[in-house]
Amino acid sequence: MASYFWDSDMFARWTAKYAQAEQRFTNEQLEYVRRYYRINKYAQICELEAIASQWNIYDFDFYMSLYDWFVGRQMIDVEIEERRYQGQKAAA
């Protein structure tokens, strides 16, 4: 694990929040945020608000689920890269 970025407990908490956020979205919403993430991995708060408002959702908990989803996805991506690096390093 990428111990110099975060500890395993922190990673586990954020990935759990990521999984909970995915369950809260409809399939269409989930597909949209996945496509949006491919374009912009570091969405700003105003962009998350715009995503929620275009769906006419003004619930704070839903907004936090969007935030949790983006942060969790970023952490997963960094973790994947770290494991690739460690695997290449071990193979060398």
PDB file of N, CA and C in Angstrom:
ATOM      1  N   MET A   1       0.826  -1.189   0.000  1.00  0.00           N
ATOM      2  CA  MET A   1       0.000   0.000   0.000  1.00  0.00           C
ATOM      3  C   MET A   1       0.868   1.250   0.000  1.00  0.00           C
ATOM      4  N   ALA A   2       0.315   2.315  -0.424  1.00  0.00           N
ATOM      5  CA  ALA A   2       1.031   3.578  -0.514  1.00  0.00           C
ATOM      6  C   ALA A   2       1.117   4.213   0.869  1.00  0.00           C
ATOM      7  N   SER A   3       1.976   3.669   1.701  1.00  0.00           N
ATOM      8  CA  SER A   3       2.018   4.091   3.091  1.00  0.00           C
ATOM      9  C   SER A   3       2.482   5.526   3.261  1.00  0.00           C
ATOM     10  N   TYR A   4       3.223   6.060   2.296  1.00  0.00           N
ATOM     11  CA  TYR A   4       3.653   7.446   2.456  1.00  0.00           C
ATOM     12  C   TYR A   4       2.572   8.431   2.059  1.00  0.00           C
ATOM     13  N   PHE A   5       1.469   7.980   1.519  1.00  0.00           N
ATOM     14  CA  PHE A   5       0.343   8.866   1.238  1.00  0.00           C
ATOM     15  C   PHE A   5      -0.696   8.786   2.356  1.00  0.00           C
ATOM     16  N   TRP A   6      -1.009   7.604   2.815  1.00  0.00           N
ATOM     17  CA  TRP A   6      -2.014   7.406   3.860  1.00  0.00           C
ATOM     18  C   TRP A   6      -1.826   6.026   4.455  1.00  0.00           C
ATOM     19  N   ASP A   7      -2.387   5.835   5.626  1.00  0.00           N
ATOM     20  CA  ASP A   7      -2.300   4.514   6.239  1.00  0.00           C
ATOM     21  C   ASP A   7      -3.444   3.633   5.744  1.00  0.00           C
ATOM     22  N   SER A   8      -3.358   2.365   6.044  1.00  0.00           N
ATOM     23  CA  SER A   8      -4.343   1.412   5.522  1.00  0.00           C
ATOM     24  C   SER A   8      -5.742   1.664   6.086  1.00  0.00           C
ATOM     25  N   ASP A   9      -5.835   2.153   7.328  1.00  0.00           N
ATOM     26  CA  ASP A   9      -7.152   2.452   7.906  1.00  0.00           C
ATOM     27  C   ASP A   9      -7.834   3.593   7.164  1.00  0.00           C
ATOM     28  N   MET A  10      -7.069   4.613   6.837  1.00  0.00           N
ATOM     29  CA  MET A  10      -7.632   5.744   6.103  1.00  0.00           C
ATOM     30  C   MET A  10      -8.096   5.301   4.720  1.00  0.00           C
ATOM     31  N   PHE A  11      -7.277   4.497   4.067  1.00  0.00           N
ATOM     32  CA  PHE A  11      -7.643   3.985   2.744  1.00  0.00           C
ATOM     33  C   PHE A  11      -8.920   3.149   2.836  1.00  0.00           C
ATOM     34  N   ALA A  12      -9.022   2.309   3.855  1.00  0.00           N
ATOM     35  CA  ALA A  12     -10.209   1.463   4.033  1.00  0.00           C
ATOM     36  C   ALA A  12     -11.459   2.303   4.282  1.00  0.00           C
ATOM     37  N   ARG A  13     -11.329   3.360   5.087  1.00  0.00           N
ATOM     38  CA  ARG A  13     -12.483   4.232   5.349  1.00  0.00           C
ATOM     39  C   ARG A  13     -12.961   4.913   4.073  1.00  0.00           C
ATOM     40  N   TRP A  14     -12.027   5.433   3.272  1.00  0.00           N
ATOM     41  CA  TRP A  14     -12.434   6.147   2.057  1.00  0.00           C
ATOM     42  C   TRP A  14     -12.984   5.201   1.003  1.00  0.00           C
ATOM     43  N   THR A  15     -12.430   4.004   0.897  1.00  0.00           N
ATOM     44  CA  THR A  15     -12.982   3.068  -0.083  1.00  0.00           C
ATOM     45  C   THR A  15     -14.367   2.593   0.349  1.00  0.00           C
ATOM     46  N   ALA A  16     -14.604   2.506   1.660  1.00  0.00           N
ATOM     47  CA  ALA A  16     -15.949   2.161   2.141  1.00  0.00           C
ATOM     48  C   ALA A  16     -16.932   3.285   1.808  1.00  0.00           C
ATOM     49  N   LYS A  17     -16.502   4.537   1.983  1.00  0.00           N
ATOM     50  CA  LYS A  17     -17.358   5.669   1.618  1.00  0.00           C
ATOM     51  C   LYS A  17     -17.625   5.679   0.118  1.00  0.00           C
ATOM     52  N   TYR A  18     -16.605   5.333  -0.658  1.00  0.00           N
ATOM     53  CA  TYR A  18     -16.747   5.256  -2.117  1.00  0.00           C
ATOM     54  C   TYR A  18     -17.804   4.216  -2.482  1.00  0.00           C
ATOM     55  N   ALA A  19     -17.736   3.046  -1.857  1.00  0.00           N
ATOM     56  CA  ALA A  19     -18.700   1.977  -2.140  1.00  0.00           C
ATOM     57  C   ALA A  19     -20.112   2.387  -1.725  1.00  0.00           C
ATOM     58  N   GLN A  20     -20.242   3.049  -0.589  1.00  0.00           N
ATOM     59  CA  GLN A  20     -21.559   3.518  -0.146  1.00  0.00           C
ATOM     60  C   GLN A  20     -22.115   4.563  -1.104  1.00  0.00           C
ATOM     61  N   ALA A  21     -21.251   5.443  -1.590  1.00  0.00           N
ATOM     62  CA  ALA A  21     -21.695   6.473  -2.534  1.00  0.00           C
ATOM     63  C   ALA A  21     -22.183   5.833  -3.826  1.00  0.00           C
ATOM     64  N   GLU A  22     -21.466   4.817  -4.305  1.00  0.00           N
ATOM     65  CA  GLU A  22     -21.887   4.141  -5.537  1.00  0.00           C
ATOM     66  C   GLU A  22     -23.269   3.520  -5.378  1.00  0.00           C
ATOM     67  N   GLN A  23     -23.576   3.010  -4.203  1.00  0.00           N
ATOM     68  CA  GLN A  23     -24.885   2.405  -3.972  1.00  0.00           C
ATOM     69  C   GLN A  23     -26.000   3.442  -3.946  1.00  0.00           C
ATOM     70  N   ARG A  24     -25.652   4.662  -3.606  1.00  0.00           N
ATOM     71  CA  ARG A  24     -26.668   5.713  -3.517  1.00  0.00           C
ATOM     72  C   ARG A  24     -27.081   6.241  -4.892  1.00  0.00           C
ATOM     73  N   PHE A  25     -26.204   6.138  -5.889  1.00  0.00           N
ATOM     74  CA  PHE A  25     -26.485   6.670  -7.220  1.00  0.00           C
ATOM     75  C   PHE A  25     -27.313   5.693  -8.042  1.00  0.00           C
ATOM     76  N   THR A  26     -28.101   6.244  -8.956  1.00  0.00           N
ATOM     77  CA  THR A  26     -28.770   5.398  -9.943  1.00  0.00           C
ATOM     78  C   THR A  26     -27.727   4.969 -10.965  1.00  0.00           C
ATOM     79  N   ASN A  27     -28.068   4.008 -11.805  1.00  0.00           N
ATOM     80  CA  ASN A  27     -27.123   3.564 -12.832  1.00  0.00           C
ATOM     81  C   ASN A  27     -26.732   4.700 -13.762  1.00  0.00           C
ATOM     82  N   GLU A  28     -27.696   5.542 -14.135  1.00  0.00           N
ATOM     83  CA  GLU A  28     -27.418   6.664 -15.031  1.00  0.00           C
ATOM     84  C   GLU A  28     -26.495   7.678 -14.359  1.00  0.00           C
ATOM     85  N   GLN A  29     -26.752   7.955 -13.082  1.00  0.00           N
ATOM     86  CA  GLN A  29     -25.905   8.897 -12.355  1.00  0.00           C
ATOM     87  C   GLN A  29     -24.497   8.346 -12.200  1.00  0.00           C
ATOM     88  N   LEU A  30     -24.405   7.066 -11.907  1.00  0.00           N
ATOM     89  CA  LEU A  30     -23.102   6.440 -11.741  1.00  0.00           C
ATOM     90  C   LEU A  30     -22.311   6.471 -13.038  1.00  0.00           C
ATOM     91  N   GLU A  31     -22.963   6.185 -14.146  1.00  0.00           N
ATOM     92  CA  GLU A  31     -22.299   6.247 -15.444  1.00  0.00           C
ATOM     93  C   GLU A  31     -21.828   7.672 -15.737  1.00  0.00           C
ATOM     94  N   TYR A  32     -22.659   8.648 -15.390  1.00  0.00           N
ATOM     95  CA  TYR A  32     -22.300  10.046 -15.630  1.00  0.00           C
ATOM     96  C   TYR A  32     -21.065  10.446 -14.819  1.00  0.00           C
ATOM     97  N   VAL A  33     -21.045  10.125 -13.519  1.00  0.00           N
ATOM     98  CA  VAL A  33     -19.890  10.533 -12.712  1.00  0.00           C
ATOM     99  C   VAL A  33     -18.636   9.783 -13.128  1.00  0.00           C
ATOM    100  N   ARG A  34     -18.764   8.559 -13.591  1.00  0.00           N
ATOM    101  CA  ARG A  34     -17.589   7.837 -14.097  1.00  0.00           C
ATOM    102  C   ARG A  34     -17.035   8.504 -15.350  1.00  0.00           C
ATOM    103  N   ARG A  35     -17.931   8.908 -16.265  1.00  0.00           N
ATOM    104  CA  ARG A  35     -17.477   9.622 -17.469  1.00  0.00           C
ATOM    105  C   ARG A  35     -16.875  10.973 -17.100  1.00  0.00           C
ATOM    106  N   TYR A  36     -17.523  11.663 -16.181  1.00  0.00           N
ATOM    107  CA  TYR A  36     -17.017  12.962 -15.737  1.00  0.00           C
ATOM    108  C   TYR A  36     -15.634  12.802 -15.113  1.00  0.00           C
ATOM    109  N   TYR A  37     -15.439  11.752 -14.334  1.00  0.00           N
ATOM    110  CA  TYR A  37     -14.155  11.503 -13.683  1.00  0.00           C
ATOM    111  C   TYR A  37     -13.053  11.252 -14.706  1.00  0.00           C
ATOM    112  N   ARG A  38     -13.382  10.559 -15.794  1.00  0.00           N
ATOM    113  CA  ARG A  38     -12.375  10.335 -16.834  1.00  0.00           C
ATOM    114  C   ARG A  38     -11.905  11.654 -17.443  1.00  0.00           C
ATOM    115  N   ILE A  39     -12.806  12.629 -17.506  1.00  0.00           N
ATOM    116  CA  ILE A  39     -12.470  13.935 -18.070  1.00  0.00           C
ATOM    117  C   ILE A  39     -11.780  14.819 -17.031  1.00  0.00           C
ATOM    118  N   ASN A  40     -12.287  14.818 -15.803  1.00  0.00           N
ATOM    119  CA  ASN A  40     -11.785  15.701 -14.754  1.00  0.00           C
ATOM    120  C   ASN A  40     -11.704  14.939 -13.439  1.00  0.00           C
ATOM    121  N   LYS A  41     -10.517  14.428 -13.112  1.00  0.00           N
ATOM    122  CA  LYS A  41     -10.352  13.630 -11.903  1.00  0.00           C
ATOM    123  C   LYS A  41     -10.393  14.460 -10.626  1.00  0.00           C
ATOM    124  N   TYR A  42     -10.157  15.745 -10.747  1.00  0.00           N
ATOM    125  CA  TYR A  42     -10.090  16.604  -9.565  1.00  0.00           C
ATOM    126  C   TYR A  42     -11.180  17.662  -9.633  1.00  0.00           C
ATOM    127  N   ALA A  43     -12.420  17.229  -9.570  1.00  0.00           N
ATOM    128  CA  ALA A  43     -13.561  18.138  -9.647  1.00  0.00           C
ATOM    129  C   ALA A  43     -13.585  19.062  -8.430  1.00  0.00           C
ATOM    130  N   GLN A  44     -13.829  20.323  -8.683  1.00  0.00           N
ATOM    131  CA  GLN A  44     -13.931  21.319  -7.617  1.00  0.00           C
ATOM    132  C   GLN A  44     -15.329  21.258  -6.992  1.00  0.00           C
ATOM    133  N   ILE A  45     -15.453  21.885  -5.844  1.00  0.00           N
ATOM    134  CA  ILE A  45     -16.728  21.883  -5.128  1.00  0.00           C
ATOM    135  C   ILE A  45     -17.845  22.448  -5.993  1.00  0.00           C
ATOM    136  N   CYS A  46     -17.556  23.546  -6.697  1.00  0.00           N
ATOM    137  CA  CYS A  46     -18.598  24.153  -7.538  1.00  0.00           C
ATOM    138  C   CYS A  46     -19.021  23.208  -8.660  1.00  0.00           C
ATOM    139  N   GLU A  47     -18.106  22.370  -9.141  1.00  0.00           N
ATOM    140  CA  GLU A  47     -18.454  21.401 -10.181  1.00  0.00           C
ATOM    141  C   GLU A  47     -19.339  20.292  -9.623  1.00  0.00           C
ATOM    142  N   LEU A  48     -19.065  19.868  -8.403  1.00  0.00           N
ATOM    143  CA  LEU A  48     -19.913  18.856  -7.767  1.00  0.00           C
ATOM    144  C   LEU A  48     -21.310  19.414  -7.510  1.00  0.00           C
ATOM    145  N   GLU A  49     -21.368  20.671  -7.106  1.00  0.00           N
ATOM    146  CA  GLU A  49     -22.671  21.317  -6.912  1.00  0.00           C
ATOM    147  C   GLU A  49     -23.436  21.393  -8.227  1.00  0.00           C
ATOM    148  N   ALA A  50     -22.722  21.677  -9.318  1.00  0.00           N
ATOM    149  CA  ALA A  50     -23.366  21.761 -10.633  1.00  0.00           C
ATOM    150  C   ALA A  50     -23.904  20.403 -11.068  1.00  0.00           C
ATOM    151  N   ILE A  51     -23.156  19.340 -10.788  1.00  0.00           N
ATOM    152  CA  ILE A  51     -23.618  17.992 -11.132  1.00  0.00           C
ATOM    153  C   ILE A  51     -24.914  17.687 -10.383  1.00  0.00           C
ATOM    154  N   ALA A  52     -24.919  17.945  -9.083  1.00  0.00           N
ATOM    155  CA  ALA A  52     -26.115  17.668  -8.274  1.00  0.00           C
ATOM    156  C   ALA A  52     -27.292  18.531  -8.714  1.00  0.00           C
ATOM    157  N   SER A  53     -27.040  19.797  -9.016  1.00  0.00           N
ATOM    158  CA  SER A  53     -28.150  20.679  -9.389  1.00  0.00           C
ATOM    159  C   SER A  53     -28.709  20.351 -10.770  1.00  0.00           C
ATOM    160  N   GLN A  54     -27.887  19.833 -11.675  1.00  0.00           N
ATOM    161  CA  GLN A  54     -28.428  19.461 -12.987  1.00  0.00           C
ATOM    162  C   GLN A  54     -29.363  18.268 -12.876  1.00  0.00           C
ATOM    163  N   TRP A  55     -29.227  17.493 -11.810  1.00  0.00           N
ATOM    164  CA  TRP A  55     -30.156  16.395 -11.547  1.00  0.00           C
ATOM    165  C   TRP A  55     -31.298  16.857 -10.641  1.00  0.00           C
ATOM    166  N   ASN A  56     -31.337  18.155 -10.339  1.00  0.00           N
ATOM    167  CA  ASN A  56     -32.342  18.743  -9.441  1.00  0.00           C
ATOM    168  C   ASN A  56     -32.321  18.102  -8.057  1.00  0.00           C
ATOM    169  N   ILE A  57     -31.119  17.838  -7.577  1.00  0.00           N
ATOM    170  CA  ILE A  57     -30.942  17.266  -6.243  1.00  0.00           C
ATOM    171  C   ILE A  57     -30.183  18.294  -5.409  1.00  0.00           C
ATOM    172  N   TYR A  58     -30.804  18.725  -4.346  1.00  0.00           N
ATOM    173  CA  TYR A  58     -30.202  19.745  -3.489  1.00  0.00           C
ATOM    174  C   TYR A  58     -29.989  19.222  -2.076  1.00  0.00           C
ATOM    175  N   ASP A  59     -29.925  17.927  -1.942  1.00  0.00           N
ATOM    176  CA  ASP A  59     -29.729  17.264  -0.656  1.00  0.00           C
ATOM    177  C   ASP A  59     -28.244  17.288  -0.292  1.00  0.00           C
ATOM    178  N   PHE A  60     -27.935  17.762   0.908  1.00  0.00           N
ATOM    179  CA  PHE A  60     -26.544  17.841   1.343  1.00  0.00           C
ATOM    180  C   PHE A  60     -25.895  16.462   1.388  1.00  0.00           C
ATOM    181  N   ASP A  61     -26.625  15.457   1.840  1.00  0.00           N
ATOM    182  CA  ASP A  61     -26.070  14.104   1.908  1.00  0.00           C
ATOM    183  C   ASP A  61     -25.712  13.583   0.521  1.00  0.00           C
ATOM    184  N   PHE A  62     -26.522  13.908  -0.466  1.00  0.00           N
ATOM    185  CA  PHE A  62     -26.211  13.489  -1.832  1.00  0.00           C
ATOM    186  C   PHE A  62     -24.947  14.187  -2.323  1.00  0.00           C
ATOM    187  N   TYR A  63     -24.837  15.465  -2.026  1.00  0.00           N
ATOM    188  CA  TYR A  63     -23.641  16.214  -2.399  1.00  0.00           C
ATOM    189  C   TYR A  63     -22.406  15.592  -1.750  1.00  0.00           C
ATOM    190  N   MET A  64     -22.507  15.226  -0.478  1.00  0.00           N
ATOM    191  CA  MET A  64     -21.381  14.596   0.208  1.00  0.00           C
ATOM    192  C   MET A  64     -21.060  13.233  -0.401  1.00  0.00           C
ATOM    193  N   SER A  65     -22.071  12.529  -0.880  1.00  0.00           N
ATOM    194  CA  SER A  65     -21.821  11.259  -1.560  1.00  0.00           C
ATOM    195  C   SER A  65     -21.025  11.481  -2.840  1.00  0.00           C
ATOM    196  N   LEU A  66     -21.338  12.550  -3.560  1.00  0.00           N
ATOM    197  CA  LEU A  66     -20.546  12.888  -4.750  1.00  0.00           C
ATOM    198  C   LEU A  66     -19.099  13.157  -4.369  1.00  0.00           C
ATOM    199  N   TYR A  67     -18.908  13.944  -3.321  1.00  0.00           N
ATOM    200  CA  TYR A  67     -17.564  14.260  -2.849  1.00  0.00           C
ATOM    201  C   TYR A  67     -16.827  12.982  -2.441  1.00  0.00           C
ATOM    202  N   ASP A  68     -17.485  12.135  -1.655  1.00  0.00           N
ATOM    203  CA  ASP A  68     -16.877  10.874  -1.219  1.00  0.00           C
ATOM    204  C   ASP A  68     -16.514  10.004  -2.409  1.00  0.00           C
ATOM    205  N   TRP A  69     -17.368   9.989  -3.425  1.00  0.00           N
ATOM    206  CA  TRP A  69     -17.103   9.171  -4.603  1.00  0.00           C
ATOM    207  C   TRP A  69     -15.834   9.654  -5.307  1.00  0.00           C
ATOM    208  N   PHE A  70     -15.720  10.954  -5.527  1.00  0.00           N
ATOM    209  CA  PHE A  70     -14.551  11.484  -6.228  1.00  0.00           C
ATOM    210  C   PHE A  70     -13.266  11.282  -5.427  1.00  0.00           C
ATOM    211  N   VAL A  71     -13.292  11.557  -4.137  1.00  0.00           N
ATOM    212  CA  VAL A  71     -12.093  11.379  -3.318  1.00  0.00           C
ATOM    213  C   VAL A  71     -11.721   9.900  -3.235  1.00  0.00           C
ATOM    214  N   GLY A  72     -12.707   9.042  -3.030  1.00  0.00           N
ATOM    215  CA  GLY A  72     -12.434   7.605  -2.980  1.00  0.00           C
ATOM    216  C   GLY A  72     -11.859   7.084  -4.277  1.00  0.00           C
ATOM    217  N   ARG A  73     -12.387   7.539  -5.405  1.00  0.00           N
ATOM    218  CA  ARG A  73     -11.887   7.105  -6.712  1.00  0.00           C
ATOM    219  C   ARG A  73     -10.448   7.578  -6.925  1.00  0.00           C
ATOM    220  N   GLN A  74     -10.144   8.801  -6.487  1.00  0.00           N
ATOM    221  CA  GLN A  74      -8.777   9.308  -6.595  1.00  0.00           C
ATOM    222  C   GLN A  74      -7.818   8.455  -5.773  1.00  0.00           C
ATOM    223  N   MET A  75      -8.231   8.102  -4.562  1.00  0.00           N
ATOM    224  CA  MET A  75      -7.379   7.282  -3.703  1.00  0.00           C
ATOM    225  C   MET A  75      -7.162   5.897  -4.303  1.00  0.00           C
ATOM    226  N   ILE A  76      -8.194   5.336  -4.880  1.00  0.00           N
ATOM    227  CA  ILE A  76      -8.064   4.024  -5.512  1.00  0.00           C
ATOM    228  C   ILE A  76      -7.094   4.099  -6.682  1.00  0.00           C
ATOM    229  N   ASP A  77      -7.182   5.150  -7.489  1.00  0.00           N
ATOM    230  CA  ASP A  77      -6.271   5.306  -8.622  1.00  0.00           C
ATOM    231  C   ASP A  77      -4.819   5.424  -8.174  1.00  0.00           C
ATOM    232  N   VAL A  78      -4.579   6.201  -7.125  1.00  0.00           N
ATOM    233  CA  VAL A  78      -3.217   6.346  -6.607  1.00  0.00           C
ATOM    234  C   VAL A  78      -2.723   5.010  -6.060  1.00  0.00           C
ATOM    235  N   GLU A  79      -3.595   4.292  -5.390  1.00  0.00           N
ATOM    236  CA  GLU A  79      -3.219   2.985  -4.844  1.00  0.00           C
ATOM    237  C   GLU A  79      -2.866   2.004  -5.959  1.00  0.00           C
ATOM    238  N   ILE A  80      -3.625   2.014  -7.029  1.00  0.00           N
ATOM    239  CA  ILE A  80      -3.340   1.138  -8.170  1.00  0.00           C
ATOM    240  C   ILE A  80      -1.972   1.459  -8.754  1.00  0.00           C
ATOM    241  N   GLU A  81      -1.688   2.744  -8.936  1.00  0.00           N
ATOM    242  CA  GLU A  81      -0.381   3.147  -9.465  1.00  0.00           C
ATOM    243  C   GLU A  81       0.750   2.737  -8.534  1.00  0.00           C
ATOM    244  N   GLU A  82       0.537   2.878  -7.236  1.00  0.00           N
ATOM    245  CA  GLU A  82       1.559   2.491  -6.268  1.00  0.00           C
ATOM    246  C   GLU A  82       1.820   0.987  -6.322  1.00  0.00           C
ATOM    247  N   ARG A  83       0.769   0.201  -6.436  1.00  0.00           N
ATOM    248  CA  ARG A  83       0.955  -1.255  -6.515  1.00  0.00           C
ATOM    249  C   ARG A  83       1.659  -1.656  -7.807  1.00  0.00           C
ATOM    250  N   ARG A  84       1.345  -0.967  -8.906  1.00  0.00           N
ATOM    251  CA  ARG A  84       2.060  -1.235 -10.161  1.00  0.00           C
ATOM    252  C   ARG A  84       3.544  -0.938 -10.005  1.00  0.00           C
ATOM    253  N   TYR A  85       3.840   0.189  -9.390  1.00  0.00           N
ATOM    254  CA  TYR A  85       5.229   0.582  -9.173  1.00  0.00           C
ATOM    255  C   TYR A  85       5.944  -0.440  -8.301  1.00  0.00           C
ATOM    256  N   GLN A  86       5.310  -0.841  -7.201  1.00  0.00           N
ATOM    257  CA  GLN A  86       5.921  -1.822  -6.307  1.00  0.00           C
ATOM    258  C   GLN A  86       6.115  -3.166  -7.004  1.00  0.00           C
ATOM    259  N   GLY A  87       5.165  -3.549  -7.862  1.00  0.00           N
ATOM    260  CA  GLY A  87       5.296  -4.794  -8.613  1.00  0.00           C
ATOM    261  C   GLY A  87       6.448  -4.752  -9.600  1.00  0.00           C
ATOM    262  N   GLN A  88       6.606  -3.633 -10.294  1.00  0.00           N
ATOM    263  CA  GLN A  88       7.718  -3.478 -11.231  1.00  0.00           C
ATOM    264  C   GLN A  88       9.044  -3.461 -10.491  1.00  0.00           C
ATOM    265  N   LYS A  89       9.055  -2.818  -9.334  1.00  0.00           N
ATOM    266  CA  LYS A  89      10.269  -2.738  -8.528  1.00  0.00           C
ATOM    267  C   LYS A  89      10.669  -4.127  -8.024  1.00  0.00           C
ATOM    268  N   ALA A  90       9.688  -4.918  -7.610  1.00  0.00           N
ATOM    269  CA  ALA A  90       9.967  -6.263  -7.112  1.00  0.00           C
ATOM    270  C   ALA A  90      10.415  -7.190  -8.234  1.00  0.00           C
ATOM    271  N   ALA A  91       9.872  -6.971  -9.434  1.00  0.00           N
ATOM    272  CA  ALA A  91      10.223  -7.826 -10.565  1.00  0.00           C
ATOM    273  C   ALA A  91      11.624  -7.540 -11.087  1.00  0.00           C
ATOM    274  N   ALA A  92      12.126  -6.352 -10.834  1.00  0.00           N
ATOM    275  CA  ALA A  92      13.443  -5.959 -11.368  1.00  0.00           C
ATOM    276  C   ALA A  92      14.585  -6.582 -10.623  1.00  0.00           C
TER     277      ALA A  92
END
